[in-house]
Amino acid sequence: GAQDAALVQGAGTGAIRAALAAVLGPGEPLLIHDAPVYRTTEVTLRGLGAKTATADFNDPAELRAALASGRFRYAYVQHTRQRLADSYAPGEVLAACREAGVRTVVDDNYAALRVPECGVELGADASCFSLFKLHGPEGVGLVVGAADIVGRVRADNYSGGGQVQGHQALDALRALTHVPVLWSLQSRAGAEAAERLAAGEVPGVAEVRLANAQDRCLLVRLDRPLAREVPDAAARHGAAPYPVGSNSRYEVAPLFYRMSSSALDDRPELADWTVRINPMRAGADLVLDILRRALRDVYAAHPLPRPLPHPPPGTDAAPAPQTPQPPQTSDAPED
């Protein structure tokens, strides 16, 4: 288990900010993965004046070379994918950092209680994540890990007005008791929906994948570039068109949304073709019914041009046959 933990204000973003502020000095270099940075994390890094340097965590040799440079006291690792093509195992990245004497802070948002081991259980010095995403109250985050890091987080937040305490803290802890069951049911609904979509149950779906793109969700590729219009159409049939807190206690209806901003920074063409769907508390039947109705509406508003009938002779680049002329006789009148 971890040595210490501190509840903080600001949910997952606040937890990351508190941990990085506790360990980084002004202008200190920080090693991060070579990928688009999550929007709110980018704001945090800018506000702290961190000098980020990148290495491709998918390439063990490149990671080891960066770690061997001696430039870094800390590395920052995001547990879930930043790019859809990311393949690194967080545990292996953390082990390489530890071997090089580089300490680590892990963003475990979207991963905590969804993976067998969070960052600190894999050997990180600190894990940071939102409890609002785990059905806790608004704005509560957690930093868990080494005693010296958590101690600095607590010391920096000594003012009572900035602390999480009393009923707010109890509410956050109570919510953790039922989250694993809800996640299990949600994963089952997502797997069933993916299987049925792959079998062709909903016209207009070209491909579907289950992915840990932030939340565990369905990535649905359409057969026409109309994905931007699907969330609004789905909302008219009962879906949520944007997240409240990404699996917060307030989210019941399935979420139909675009890909994350960091994913679109990496693959902007997905904005036109791919819809992200999280079942939330819905079953597969409702998810597919909403998608079917939404695609019907969107496609009806953008009908494909009807195929032309077979062109008449002479209009398909071939000369029209000559009309037969009666043979002229000797007694035909002359022109």
C-alpha atoms as a PDB file:
ATOM      1  CA  GLY A   1       0.000   0.000   0.000  1.00  0.00           C
ATOM      2  CA  ALA A   2       0.891   3.666  -0.231  1.00  0.00           C
ATOM      3  CA  GLN A   3       2.557   5.507   2.620  1.00  0.00           C
ATOM      4  CA  ASP A   4       0.150   8.447   2.755  1.00  0.00           C
ATOM      5  CA  ALA A   5      -2.763  10.149   1.001  1.00  0.00           C
ATOM      6  CA  ALA A   6      -4.315  13.612   0.926  1.00  0.00           C
ATOM      7  CA  LEU A   7      -7.698  14.769  -0.327  1.00  0.00           C
ATOM      8  CA  VAL A   8      -7.437  18.015  -2.294  1.00  0.00           C
ATOM      9  CA  GLN A   9      -9.733  20.516  -3.954  1.00  0.00           C
ATOM     10  CA  GLY A  10      -9.893  20.781  -7.737  1.00  0.00           C
ATOM     11  CA  ALA A  11     -10.666  17.143  -8.562  1.00  0.00           C
ATOM     12  CA  GLY A  12      -8.144  15.366 -10.817  1.00  0.00           C
ATOM     13  CA  THR A  13      -6.647  18.559 -12.188  1.00  0.00           C
ATOM     14  CA  GLY A  14      -6.191  19.898  -8.668  1.00  0.00           C
ATOM     15  CA  ALA A  15      -4.530  16.662  -7.565  1.00  0.00           C
ATOM     16  CA  ILE A  16      -2.027  16.807 -10.429  1.00  0.00           C
ATOM     17  CA  ARG A  17      -1.352  20.480  -9.761  1.00  0.00           C
ATOM     18  CA  ALA A  18      -0.834  19.860  -6.034  1.00  0.00           C
ATOM     19  CA  ALA A  19       1.580  16.972  -6.611  1.00  0.00           C
ATOM     20  CA  LEU A  20       3.655  18.688  -9.297  1.00  0.00           C
ATOM     21  CA  ALA A  21       3.798  21.931  -7.317  1.00  0.00           C
ATOM     22  CA  ALA A  22       5.087  19.938  -4.354  1.00  0.00           C
ATOM     23  CA  VAL A  23       7.966  18.343  -6.247  1.00  0.00           C
ATOM     24  CA  LEU A  24       9.069  20.747  -9.006  1.00  0.00           C
ATOM     25  CA  GLY A  25      11.104  23.903  -8.678  1.00  0.00           C
ATOM     26  CA  PRO A  26      10.613  26.880 -11.028  1.00  0.00           C
ATOM     27  CA  GLY A  27      11.942  26.084 -14.492  1.00  0.00           C
ATOM     28  CA  GLU A  28      12.880  22.529 -13.542  1.00  0.00           C
ATOM     29  CA  PRO A  29      12.868  20.024 -16.425  1.00  0.00           C
ATOM     30  CA  LEU A  30      10.132  17.388 -16.369  1.00  0.00           C
ATOM     31  CA  LEU A  31      10.140  14.307 -18.599  1.00  0.00           C
ATOM     32  CA  ILE A  32       6.806  13.575 -20.317  1.00  0.00           C
ATOM     33  CA  HIS A  33       5.557  11.317 -23.098  1.00  0.00           C
ATOM     34  CA  ASP A  34       5.893  12.602 -26.659  1.00  0.00           C
ATOM     35  CA  ALA A  35       2.175  13.135 -27.292  1.00  0.00           C
ATOM     36  CA  PRO A  36      -0.429  15.898 -27.090  1.00  0.00           C
ATOM     37  CA  VAL A  37      -0.815  16.918 -23.442  1.00  0.00           C
ATOM     38  CA  TYR A  38      -4.260  16.853 -21.848  1.00  0.00           C
ATOM     39  CA  ARG A  39      -5.677  20.379 -21.945  1.00  0.00           C
ATOM     40  CA  THR A  40      -5.956  21.028 -18.202  1.00  0.00           C
ATOM     41  CA  THR A  41      -2.569  19.435 -17.544  1.00  0.00           C
ATOM     42  CA  GLU A  42      -1.066  21.757 -20.140  1.00  0.00           C
ATOM     43  CA  VAL A  43      -2.442  24.723 -18.166  1.00  0.00           C
ATOM     44  CA  THR A  44      -0.956  23.314 -14.951  1.00  0.00           C
ATOM     45  CA  LEU A  45       2.482  22.831 -16.508  1.00  0.00           C
ATOM     46  CA  ARG A  46       2.429  26.342 -17.918  1.00  0.00           C
ATOM     47  CA  GLY A  47       1.365  27.824 -14.597  1.00  0.00           C
ATOM     48  CA  LEU A  48       4.155  26.026 -12.749  1.00  0.00           C
ATOM     49  CA  GLY A  49       6.745  27.135 -15.287  1.00  0.00           C
ATOM     50  CA  ALA A  50       7.803  23.537 -15.867  1.00  0.00           C
ATOM     51  CA  LYS A  51      10.286  22.943 -18.677  1.00  0.00           C
ATOM     52  CA  THR A  52       8.941  19.797 -20.277  1.00  0.00           C
ATOM     53  CA  ALA A  53      11.098  17.495 -22.368  1.00  0.00           C
ATOM     54  CA  THR A  54       9.651  14.583 -24.302  1.00  0.00           C
ATOM     55  CA  ALA A  55      10.563  10.996 -25.009  1.00  0.00           C
ATOM     56  CA  ASP A  56       8.487   8.382 -26.756  1.00  0.00           C
ATOM     57  CA  PHE A  57       7.430   6.064 -23.930  1.00  0.00           C
ATOM     58  CA  ASN A  58       6.447   3.481 -26.571  1.00  0.00           C
ATOM     59  CA  ASP A  59      10.154   3.175 -27.424  1.00  0.00           C
ATOM     60  CA  PRO A  60      12.070   1.681 -24.464  1.00  0.00           C
ATOM     61  CA  ALA A  61      15.451   2.622 -25.938  1.00  0.00           C
ATOM     62  CA  GLU A  62      14.464   6.274 -26.374  1.00  0.00           C
ATOM     63  CA  LEU A  63      13.050   6.363 -22.848  1.00  0.00           C
ATOM     64  CA  ARG A  64      16.211   4.859 -21.348  1.00  0.00           C
ATOM     65  CA  ALA A  65      18.379   7.352 -23.231  1.00  0.00           C
ATOM     66  CA  ALA A  66      16.365  10.274 -21.885  1.00  0.00           C
ATOM     67  CA  LEU A  67      16.519   8.910 -18.350  1.00  0.00           C
ATOM     68  CA  ALA A  68      20.271   8.326 -18.610  1.00  0.00           C
ATOM     69  CA  SER A  69      20.880  11.979 -19.520  1.00  0.00           C
ATOM     70  CA  GLY A  70      20.785  12.961 -15.843  1.00  0.00           C
ATOM     71  CA  ARG A  71      18.585  15.986 -16.590  1.00  0.00           C
ATOM     72  CA  PHE A  72      15.504  14.882 -14.697  1.00  0.00           C
ATOM     73  CA  ARG A  73      14.532  14.414 -11.084  1.00  0.00           C
ATOM     74  CA  TYR A  74      10.915  13.651 -12.034  1.00  0.00           C
ATOM     75  CA  ALA A  75       8.917  12.136 -14.876  1.00  0.00           C
ATOM     76  CA  TYR A  76       5.197  12.557 -15.417  1.00  0.00           C
ATOM     77  CA  VAL A  77       3.266   9.553 -16.743  1.00  0.00           C
ATOM     78  CA  GLN A  78      -0.348   9.439 -17.906  1.00  0.00           C
ATOM     79  CA  HIS A  79      -1.818   6.009 -17.213  1.00  0.00           C
ATOM     80  CA  THR A  80      -4.434   6.044 -19.986  1.00  0.00           C
ATOM     81  CA  ARG A  81      -3.684   6.597 -23.656  1.00  0.00           C
ATOM     82  CA  GLN A  82      -2.699  10.011 -24.925  1.00  0.00           C
ATOM     83  CA  ARG A  83      -2.508   8.754 -28.504  1.00  0.00           C
ATOM     84  CA  LEU A  84      -4.720   5.979 -29.837  1.00  0.00           C
ATOM     85  CA  ALA A  85      -1.556   4.233 -31.001  1.00  0.00           C
ATOM     86  CA  ASP A  86       0.088   4.296 -27.547  1.00  0.00           C
ATOM     87  CA  SER A  87       1.269   0.854 -26.503  1.00  0.00           C
ATOM     88  CA  TYR A  88       3.540   1.436 -23.517  1.00  0.00           C
ATOM     89  CA  ALA A  89       2.863  -0.468 -20.300  1.00  0.00           C
ATOM     90  CA  PRO A  90       2.860   2.054 -17.422  1.00  0.00           C
ATOM     91  CA  GLY A  91       4.508  -0.451 -15.096  1.00  0.00           C
ATOM     92  CA  GLU A  92       7.463  -0.863 -17.451  1.00  0.00           C
ATOM     93  CA  VAL A  93       7.868   2.901 -17.848  1.00  0.00           C
ATOM     94  CA  LEU A  94       7.804   3.357 -14.081  1.00  0.00           C
ATOM     95  CA  ALA A  95      10.329   0.551 -13.594  1.00  0.00           C
ATOM     96  CA  ALA A  96      12.721   2.178 -16.078  1.00  0.00           C
ATOM     97  CA  CYS A  97      12.387   5.506 -14.270  1.00  0.00           C
ATOM     98  CA  ARG A  98      12.971   3.905 -10.894  1.00  0.00           C
ATOM     99  CA  GLU A  99      16.058   2.085 -12.178  1.00  0.00           C
ATOM    100  CA  ALA A 100      17.467   5.419 -13.408  1.00  0.00           C
ATOM    101  CA  GLY A 101      16.754   7.141 -10.086  1.00  0.00           C
ATOM    102  CA  VAL A 102      14.020   9.352 -11.562  1.00  0.00           C
ATOM    103  CA  ARG A 103      10.914   9.747  -9.410  1.00  0.00           C
ATOM    104  CA  THR A 104       7.448   9.647 -10.946  1.00  0.00           C
ATOM    105  CA  VAL A 105       4.053  11.315 -10.686  1.00  0.00           C
ATOM    106  CA  VAL A 106       1.217   9.453 -12.430  1.00  0.00           C
ATOM    107  CA  ASP A 107      -2.053  10.834 -13.754  1.00  0.00           C
ATOM    108  CA  ASP A 108      -4.444   8.014 -12.833  1.00  0.00           C
ATOM    109  CA  ASN A 109      -7.607   9.806 -13.923  1.00  0.00           C
ATOM    110  CA  TYR A 110      -9.861   7.375 -15.833  1.00  0.00           C
ATOM    111  CA  ALA A 111      -7.683   4.480 -14.641  1.00  0.00           C
ATOM    112  CA  ALA A 112      -8.246   4.283 -10.869  1.00  0.00           C
ATOM    113  CA  LEU A 113     -10.503   1.337  -9.976  1.00  0.00           C
ATOM    114  CA  ARG A 114     -10.604   0.355 -13.671  1.00  0.00           C
ATOM    115  CA  VAL A 115      -7.194  -1.282 -13.920  1.00  0.00           C
ATOM    116  CA  PRO A 116      -5.687  -4.010 -11.721  1.00  0.00           C
ATOM    117  CA  GLU A 117      -3.085  -1.608 -10.302  1.00  0.00           C
ATOM    118  CA  CYS A 118      -2.921   2.175 -10.318  1.00  0.00           C
ATOM    119  CA  GLY A 119       0.352   4.056 -10.699  1.00  0.00           C
ATOM    120  CA  VAL A 120       1.438   4.003  -7.079  1.00  0.00           C
ATOM    121  CA  GLU A 121       0.744   0.253  -6.901  1.00  0.00           C
ATOM    122  CA  LEU A 122       2.993  -0.157  -9.945  1.00  0.00           C
ATOM    123  CA  GLY A 123       5.827   1.664  -8.186  1.00  0.00           C
ATOM    124  CA  ALA A 124       5.161   5.365  -8.836  1.00  0.00           C
ATOM    125  CA  ASP A 125       6.017   7.912  -6.175  1.00  0.00           C
ATOM    126  CA  ALA A 126       2.588   9.533  -6.431  1.00  0.00           C
ATOM    127  CA  SER A 127      -0.761   8.865  -8.074  1.00  0.00           C
ATOM    128  CA  CYS A 128      -3.245  11.656  -8.748  1.00  0.00           C
ATOM    129  CA  PHE A 129      -6.897  11.251  -9.676  1.00  0.00           C
ATOM    130  CA  SER A 130     -10.380  12.665  -9.341  1.00  0.00           C
ATOM    131  CA  LEU A 131     -12.896  11.308  -6.852  1.00  0.00           C
ATOM    132  CA  PHE A 132     -15.638  13.202  -8.698  1.00  0.00           C
ATOM    133  CA  LYS A 133     -15.064  10.694 -11.518  1.00  0.00           C
ATOM    134  CA  LEU A 134     -15.567   7.966  -8.902  1.00  0.00           C
ATOM    135  CA  HIS A 135     -19.031   9.200  -7.858  1.00  0.00           C
ATOM    136  CA  GLY A 136     -17.668  11.435  -5.130  1.00  0.00           C
ATOM    137  CA  PRO A 137     -18.699  15.052  -4.514  1.00  0.00           C
ATOM    138  CA  GLU A 138     -17.802  17.843  -6.890  1.00  0.00           C
ATOM    139  CA  GLY A 139     -14.222  19.038  -6.954  1.00  0.00           C
ATOM    140  CA  VAL A 140     -12.536  16.410  -4.771  1.00  0.00           C
ATOM    141  CA  GLY A 141      -9.242  14.841  -5.840  1.00  0.00           C
ATOM    142  CA  LEU A 142      -6.693  12.525  -4.261  1.00  0.00           C
ATOM    143  CA  VAL A 143      -2.902  12.450  -4.115  1.00  0.00           C
ATOM    144  CA  VAL A 144      -1.642   9.120  -2.827  1.00  0.00           C
ATOM    145  CA  GLY A 145       1.942   7.924  -2.571  1.00  0.00           C
ATOM    146  CA  ALA A 146       5.259   8.569  -0.855  1.00  0.00           C
ATOM    147  CA  ALA A 147       5.108  10.236   2.553  1.00  0.00           C
ATOM    148  CA  ASP A 148       7.446  13.093   1.619  1.00  0.00           C
ATOM    149  CA  ILE A 149       5.394  14.110  -1.442  1.00  0.00           C
ATOM    150  CA  VAL A 150       2.015  13.828   0.267  1.00  0.00           C
ATOM    151  CA  GLY A 151       3.433  15.647   3.287  1.00  0.00           C
ATOM    152  CA  ARG A 152       4.438  18.583   1.098  1.00  0.00           C
ATOM    153  CA  VAL A 153       0.988  18.603  -0.533  1.00  0.00           C
ATOM    154  CA  ARG A 154      -0.615  18.766   2.902  1.00  0.00           C
ATOM    155  CA  ALA A 155       1.774  21.485   4.104  1.00  0.00           C
ATOM    156  CA  ASP A 156       1.140  23.612   1.007  1.00  0.00           C
ATOM    157  CA  ASN A 157      -2.582  23.350   1.679  1.00  0.00           C
ATOM    158  CA  TYR A 158      -2.496  24.145   5.396  1.00  0.00           C
ATOM    159  CA  SER A 159      -5.373  26.651   5.275  1.00  0.00           C
ATOM    160  CA  GLY A 160      -8.599  25.081   6.492  1.00  0.00           C
ATOM    161  CA  GLY A 161     -10.626  26.818   3.798  1.00  0.00           C
ATOM    162  CA  GLY A 162      -8.769  24.940   1.087  1.00  0.00           C
ATOM    163  CA  GLN A 163      -8.970  21.491   2.656  1.00  0.00           C
ATOM    164  CA  VAL A 164     -11.413  18.657   2.045  1.00  0.00           C
ATOM    165  CA  GLN A 165     -12.938  17.705   5.368  1.00  0.00           C
ATOM    166  CA  GLY A 166     -16.090  16.738   7.229  1.00  0.00           C
ATOM    167  CA  HIS A 167     -19.121  15.620   5.234  1.00  0.00           C
ATOM    168  CA  GLN A 168     -17.342  16.251   1.919  1.00  0.00           C
ATOM    169  CA  ALA A 169     -14.529  13.850   2.788  1.00  0.00           C
ATOM    170  CA  LEU A 170     -16.934  11.211   4.116  1.00  0.00           C
ATOM    171  CA  ASP A 171     -19.054  11.489   0.974  1.00  0.00           C
ATOM    172  CA  ALA A 172     -15.996  10.901  -1.210  1.00  0.00           C
ATOM    173  CA  LEU A 173     -14.975   7.808   0.744  1.00  0.00           C
ATOM    174  CA  ARG A 174     -18.476   6.309   0.895  1.00  0.00           C
ATOM    175  CA  ALA A 175     -18.834   6.584  -2.880  1.00  0.00           C
ATOM    176  CA  LEU A 176     -15.845   4.299  -3.397  1.00  0.00           C
ATOM    177  CA  THR A 177     -17.741   1.338  -1.957  1.00  0.00           C
ATOM    178  CA  HIS A 178     -20.089   0.906  -4.934  1.00  0.00           C
ATOM    179  CA  VAL A 179     -17.971   2.193  -7.832  1.00  0.00           C
ATOM    180  CA  PRO A 180     -16.390  -1.210  -8.711  1.00  0.00           C
ATOM    181  CA  VAL A 181     -19.845  -2.758  -9.209  1.00  0.00           C
ATOM    182  CA  LEU A 182     -20.988   0.130 -11.422  1.00  0.00           C
ATOM    183  CA  TRP A 183     -17.813  -0.077 -13.505  1.00  0.00           C
ATOM    184  CA  SER A 184     -18.307  -3.813 -13.984  1.00  0.00           C
ATOM    185  CA  LEU A 185     -21.871  -3.335 -15.229  1.00  0.00           C
ATOM    186  CA  GLN A 186     -20.789  -0.493 -17.504  1.00  0.00           C
ATOM    187  CA  SER A 187     -17.986  -2.570 -19.008  1.00  0.00           C
ATOM    188  CA  ARG A 188     -20.414  -5.415 -19.669  1.00  0.00           C
ATOM    189  CA  ALA A 189     -22.850  -3.088 -21.444  1.00  0.00           C
ATOM    190  CA  GLY A 190     -20.036  -1.625 -23.545  1.00  0.00           C
ATOM    191  CA  ALA A 191     -18.761  -5.046 -24.582  1.00  0.00           C
ATOM    192  CA  GLU A 192     -22.254  -6.178 -25.603  1.00  0.00           C
ATOM    193  CA  ALA A 193     -22.871  -2.997 -27.602  1.00  0.00           C
ATOM    194  CA  ALA A 194     -19.521  -3.372 -29.391  1.00  0.00           C
ATOM    195  CA  GLU A 195     -20.247  -6.982 -30.311  1.00  0.00           C
ATOM    196  CA  ARG A 196     -23.668  -6.130 -31.716  1.00  0.00           C
ATOM    197  CA  LEU A 197     -22.408  -3.128 -33.671  1.00  0.00           C
ATOM    198  CA  ALA A 198     -19.608  -5.226 -35.150  1.00  0.00           C
ATOM    199  CA  ALA A 199     -22.267  -7.724 -36.273  1.00  0.00           C
ATOM    200  CA  GLY A 200     -23.944  -4.986 -38.321  1.00  0.00           C
ATOM    201  CA  GLU A 201     -26.982  -4.328 -36.158  1.00  0.00           C
ATOM    202  CA  VAL A 202     -26.957  -0.559 -36.825  1.00  0.00           C
ATOM    203  CA  PRO A 203     -26.719   0.672 -40.440  1.00  0.00           C
ATOM    204  CA  GLY A 204     -24.108   3.354 -41.023  1.00  0.00           C
ATOM    205  CA  VAL A 205     -21.473   1.896 -38.676  1.00  0.00           C
ATOM    206  CA  ALA A 206     -18.297   0.938 -40.510  1.00  0.00           C
ATOM    207  CA  GLU A 207     -16.191  -0.150 -37.532  1.00  0.00           C
ATOM    208  CA  VAL A 208     -16.308  -0.227 -33.745  1.00  0.00           C
ATOM    209  CA  ARG A 209     -13.610  -0.618 -31.110  1.00  0.00           C
ATOM    210  CA  LEU A 210     -13.643  -0.789 -27.329  1.00  0.00           C
ATOM    211  CA  ALA A 211     -10.840   1.443 -26.095  1.00  0.00           C
ATOM    212  CA  ASN A 212      -9.523   3.067 -22.952  1.00  0.00           C
ATOM    213  CA  ALA A 213      -9.608   6.498 -24.567  1.00  0.00           C
ATOM    214  CA  GLN A 214      -9.929   8.317 -21.272  1.00  0.00           C
ATOM    215  CA  ASP A 215     -12.925   6.254 -20.084  1.00  0.00           C
ATOM    216  CA  ARG A 216     -13.466   2.747 -21.372  1.00  0.00           C
ATOM    217  CA  CYS A 217     -15.759   3.548 -24.263  1.00  0.00           C
ATOM    218  CA  LEU A 218     -16.922   2.652 -27.743  1.00  0.00           C
ATOM    219  CA  LEU A 219     -15.179   4.321 -30.667  1.00  0.00           C
ATOM    220  CA  VAL A 220     -17.663   4.121 -33.525  1.00  0.00           C
ATOM    221  CA  ARG A 221     -16.428   4.908 -37.030  1.00  0.00           C
ATOM    222  CA  LEU A 222     -19.170   5.843 -39.455  1.00  0.00           C
ATOM    223  CA  ASP A 223     -19.312   5.035 -43.156  1.00  0.00           C
ATOM    224  CA  ARG A 224     -19.760   8.741 -43.961  1.00  0.00           C
ATOM    225  CA  PRO A 225     -17.953  11.809 -42.517  1.00  0.00           C
ATOM    226  CA  LEU A 226     -20.900  13.076 -40.453  1.00  0.00           C
ATOM    227  CA  ALA A 227     -19.703  12.312 -36.917  1.00  0.00           C
ATOM    228  CA  ARG A 228     -19.761  15.956 -35.806  1.00  0.00           C
ATOM    229  CA  GLU A 229     -23.565  15.986 -36.121  1.00  0.00           C
ATOM    230  CA  VAL A 230     -24.267  12.790 -34.199  1.00  0.00           C
ATOM    231  CA  PRO A 231     -24.047  14.079 -30.571  1.00  0.00           C
ATOM    232  CA  ASP A 232     -26.751  16.704 -31.104  1.00  0.00           C
ATOM    233  CA  ALA A 233     -28.939  14.224 -32.962  1.00  0.00           C
ATOM    234  CA  ALA A 234     -28.443  11.621 -30.217  1.00  0.00           C
ATOM    235  CA  ALA A 235     -29.359  14.196 -27.557  1.00  0.00           C
ATOM    236  CA  ARG A 236     -32.781  14.571 -29.173  1.00  0.00           C
ATOM    237  CA  HIS A 237     -33.310  10.874 -28.495  1.00  0.00           C
ATOM    238  CA  GLY A 238     -32.161  10.873 -24.864  1.00  0.00           C
ATOM    239  CA  ALA A 239     -28.353  10.817 -24.896  1.00  0.00           C
ATOM    240  CA  ALA A 240     -26.034  13.219 -23.086  1.00  0.00           C
ATOM    241  CA  PRO A 241     -24.173  15.327 -25.712  1.00  0.00           C
ATOM    242  CA  TYR A 242     -21.282  16.307 -23.431  1.00  0.00           C
ATOM    243  CA  PRO A 243     -19.808  15.058 -20.128  1.00  0.00           C
ATOM    244  CA  VAL A 244     -20.525  16.557 -16.719  1.00  0.00           C
ATOM    245  CA  GLY A 245     -17.553  14.977 -14.994  1.00  0.00           C
ATOM    246  CA  SER A 246     -16.851  11.829 -16.991  1.00  0.00           C
ATOM    247  CA  ASN A 247     -18.658   9.146 -15.003  1.00  0.00           C
ATOM    248  CA  SER A 248     -19.751  11.449 -12.224  1.00  0.00           C
ATOM    249  CA  ARG A 249     -22.749  10.666 -10.040  1.00  0.00           C
ATOM    250  CA  TYR A 250     -24.867  12.938 -12.233  1.00  0.00           C
ATOM    251  CA  GLU A 251     -24.334  11.006 -15.462  1.00  0.00           C
ATOM    252  CA  VAL A 252     -27.014   8.405 -16.112  1.00  0.00           C
ATOM    253  CA  ALA A 253     -27.877   8.652 -19.817  1.00  0.00           C
ATOM    254  CA  PRO A 254     -25.321   7.316 -22.309  1.00  0.00           C
ATOM    255  CA  LEU A 255     -22.786   9.861 -23.530  1.00  0.00           C
ATOM    256  CA  PHE A 256     -22.432  10.485 -27.289  1.00  0.00           C
ATOM    257  CA  TYR A 257     -19.455  12.788 -27.775  1.00  0.00           C
ATOM    258  CA  ARG A 258     -16.464  13.650 -29.904  1.00  0.00           C
ATOM    259  CA  MET A 259     -13.006  12.240 -29.355  1.00  0.00           C
ATOM    260  CA  SER A 260     -10.934  13.953 -26.676  1.00  0.00           C
ATOM    261  CA  SER A 261      -9.077  17.140 -27.582  1.00  0.00           C
ATOM    262  CA  SER A 262      -5.687  15.473 -27.142  1.00  0.00           C
ATOM    263  CA  ALA A 263      -6.737  12.569 -29.399  1.00  0.00           C
ATOM    264  CA  LEU A 264      -7.929  15.021 -32.048  1.00  0.00           C
ATOM    265  CA  ASP A 265      -4.669  16.966 -31.796  1.00  0.00           C
ATOM    266  CA  ASP A 266      -2.962  13.726 -32.802  1.00  0.00           C
ATOM    267  CA  ARG A 267      -5.579  12.531 -35.339  1.00  0.00           C
ATOM    268  CA  PRO A 268      -7.728  15.509 -36.421  1.00  0.00           C
ATOM    269  CA  GLU A 269      -9.438  13.540 -39.188  1.00  0.00           C
ATOM    270  CA  LEU A 270     -11.270  11.474 -36.562  1.00  0.00           C
ATOM    271  CA  ALA A 271     -13.521  14.448 -35.804  1.00  0.00           C
ATOM    272  CA  ASP A 272     -15.507  13.808 -38.979  1.00  0.00           C
ATOM    273  CA  TRP A 273     -15.632  10.034 -38.814  1.00  0.00           C
ATOM    274  CA  THR A 274     -15.631   8.831 -35.203  1.00  0.00           C
ATOM    275  CA  VAL A 275     -18.106   9.124 -32.337  1.00  0.00           C
ATOM    276  CA  ARG A 276     -17.168   8.284 -28.752  1.00  0.00           C
ATOM    277  CA  ILE A 277     -19.916   6.529 -26.779  1.00  0.00           C
ATOM    278  CA  ASN A 278     -19.894   5.742 -23.057  1.00  0.00           C
ATOM    279  CA  PRO A 279     -22.921   3.703 -21.909  1.00  0.00           C
ATOM    280  CA  MET A 280     -22.793   5.296 -18.429  1.00  0.00           C
ATOM    281  CA  ARG A 281     -25.726   3.608 -16.598  1.00  0.00           C
ATOM    282  CA  ALA A 282     -27.529   2.498 -19.770  1.00  0.00           C
ATOM    283  CA  GLY A 283     -27.726  -0.968 -21.247  1.00  0.00           C
ATOM    284  CA  ALA A 284     -26.679  -2.004 -24.730  1.00  0.00           C
ATOM    285  CA  ASP A 285     -30.278  -1.938 -26.029  1.00  0.00           C
ATOM    286  CA  LEU A 286     -30.690   1.763 -25.243  1.00  0.00           C
ATOM    287  CA  VAL A 287     -27.248   2.670 -26.611  1.00  0.00           C
ATOM    288  CA  LEU A 288     -27.953   0.990 -29.948  1.00  0.00           C
ATOM    289  CA  ASP A 289     -31.478   2.378 -30.173  1.00  0.00           C
ATOM    290  CA  ILE A 290     -30.257   5.958 -29.691  1.00  0.00           C
ATOM    291  CA  LEU A 291     -27.427   5.472 -32.189  1.00  0.00           C
ATOM    292  CA  ARG A 292     -29.805   3.990 -34.762  1.00  0.00           C
ATOM    293  CA  ARG A 293     -32.235   6.896 -34.431  1.00  0.00           C
ATOM    294  CA  ALA A 294     -29.477   9.522 -34.454  1.00  0.00           C
ATOM    295  CA  LEU A 295     -27.852   8.117 -37.591  1.00  0.00           C
ATOM    296  CA  ARG A 296     -31.223   7.888 -39.301  1.00  0.00           C
ATOM    297  CA  ASP A 297     -31.807  11.602 -38.624  1.00  0.00           C
ATOM    298  CA  VAL A 298     -28.318  12.703 -39.652  1.00  0.00           C
ATOM    299  CA  TYR A 299     -28.249  10.615 -42.818  1.00  0.00           C
ATOM    300  CA  ALA A 300     -31.736  11.757 -43.798  1.00  0.00           C
ATOM    301  CA  ALA A 301     -30.505  15.352 -43.640  1.00  0.00           C
ATOM    302  CA  HIS A 302     -27.606  14.483 -45.963  1.00  0.00           C
ATOM    303  CA  PRO A 303     -28.991  12.099 -48.583  1.00  0.00           C
ATOM    304  CA  LEU A 304     -26.549  10.605 -51.003  1.00  0.00           C
ATOM    305  CA  PRO A 305     -27.126  11.580 -54.635  1.00  0.00           C
ATOM    306  CA  ARG A 306     -29.251   8.998 -56.398  1.00  0.00           C
ATOM    307  CA  PRO A 307     -27.390   6.944 -58.990  1.00  0.00           C
ATOM    308  CA  LEU A 308     -28.118   8.092 -62.529  1.00  0.00           C
ATOM    309  CA  PRO A 309     -29.907   5.685 -64.864  1.00  0.00           C
ATOM    310  CA  HIS A 310     -27.858   4.108 -67.606  1.00  0.00           C
ATOM    311  CA  PRO A 311     -27.007   6.995 -69.929  1.00  0.00           C
ATOM    312  CA  PRO A 312     -28.761   7.062 -73.283  1.00  0.00           C
ATOM    313  CA  PRO A 313     -26.678   6.262 -76.329  1.00  0.00           C
ATOM    314  CA  GLY A 314     -24.298   9.000 -77.232  1.00  0.00           C
ATOM    315  CA  THR A 315     -23.985  10.450 -73.707  1.00  0.00           C
ATOM    316  CA  ASP A 316     -21.473   8.005 -72.271  1.00  0.00           C
ATOM    317  CA  ALA A 317     -18.537   9.095 -74.392  1.00  0.00           C
ATOM    318  CA  ALA A 318     -19.486   6.608 -77.111  1.00  0.00           C
ATOM    319  CA  PRO A 319     -20.850   7.899 -80.405  1.00  0.00           C
ATOM    320  CA  ALA A 320     -24.519   7.312 -81.026  1.00  0.00           C
ATOM    321  CA  PRO A 321     -25.258   4.814 -83.757  1.00  0.00           C
ATOM    322  CA  GLN A 322     -26.149   6.357 -87.071  1.00  0.00           C
ATOM    323  CA  THR A 323     -29.795   6.248 -88.023  1.00  0.00           C
ATOM    324  CA  PRO A 324     -30.153   3.914 -91.006  1.00  0.00           C
ATOM    325  CA  GLN A 325     -30.928   5.803 -94.232  1.00  0.00           C
ATOM    326  CA  PRO A 326     -32.975   4.347 -97.049  1.00  0.00           C
ATOM    327  CA  PRO A 327     -30.900   3.533-100.106  1.00  0.00           C
ATOM    328  CA  GLN A 328     -31.168   6.095-102.823  1.00  0.00           C
ATOM    329  CA  THR A 329     -32.564   4.913-106.158  1.00  0.00           C
ATOM    330  CA  SER A 330     -31.790   6.153-109.579  1.00  0.00           C
ATOM    331  CA  ASP A 331     -35.106   7.944-109.820  1.00  0.00           C
ATOM    332  CA  ALA A 332     -34.670   9.777-106.528  1.00  0.00           C
ATOM    333  CA  PRO A 333     -34.891  13.515-106.904  1.00  0.00           C
ATOM    334  CA  GLU A 334     -31.578  15.258-107.053  1.00  0.00           C
ATOM    335  CA  ASP A 335     -30.655  17.990-104.605  1.00  0.00           C
END
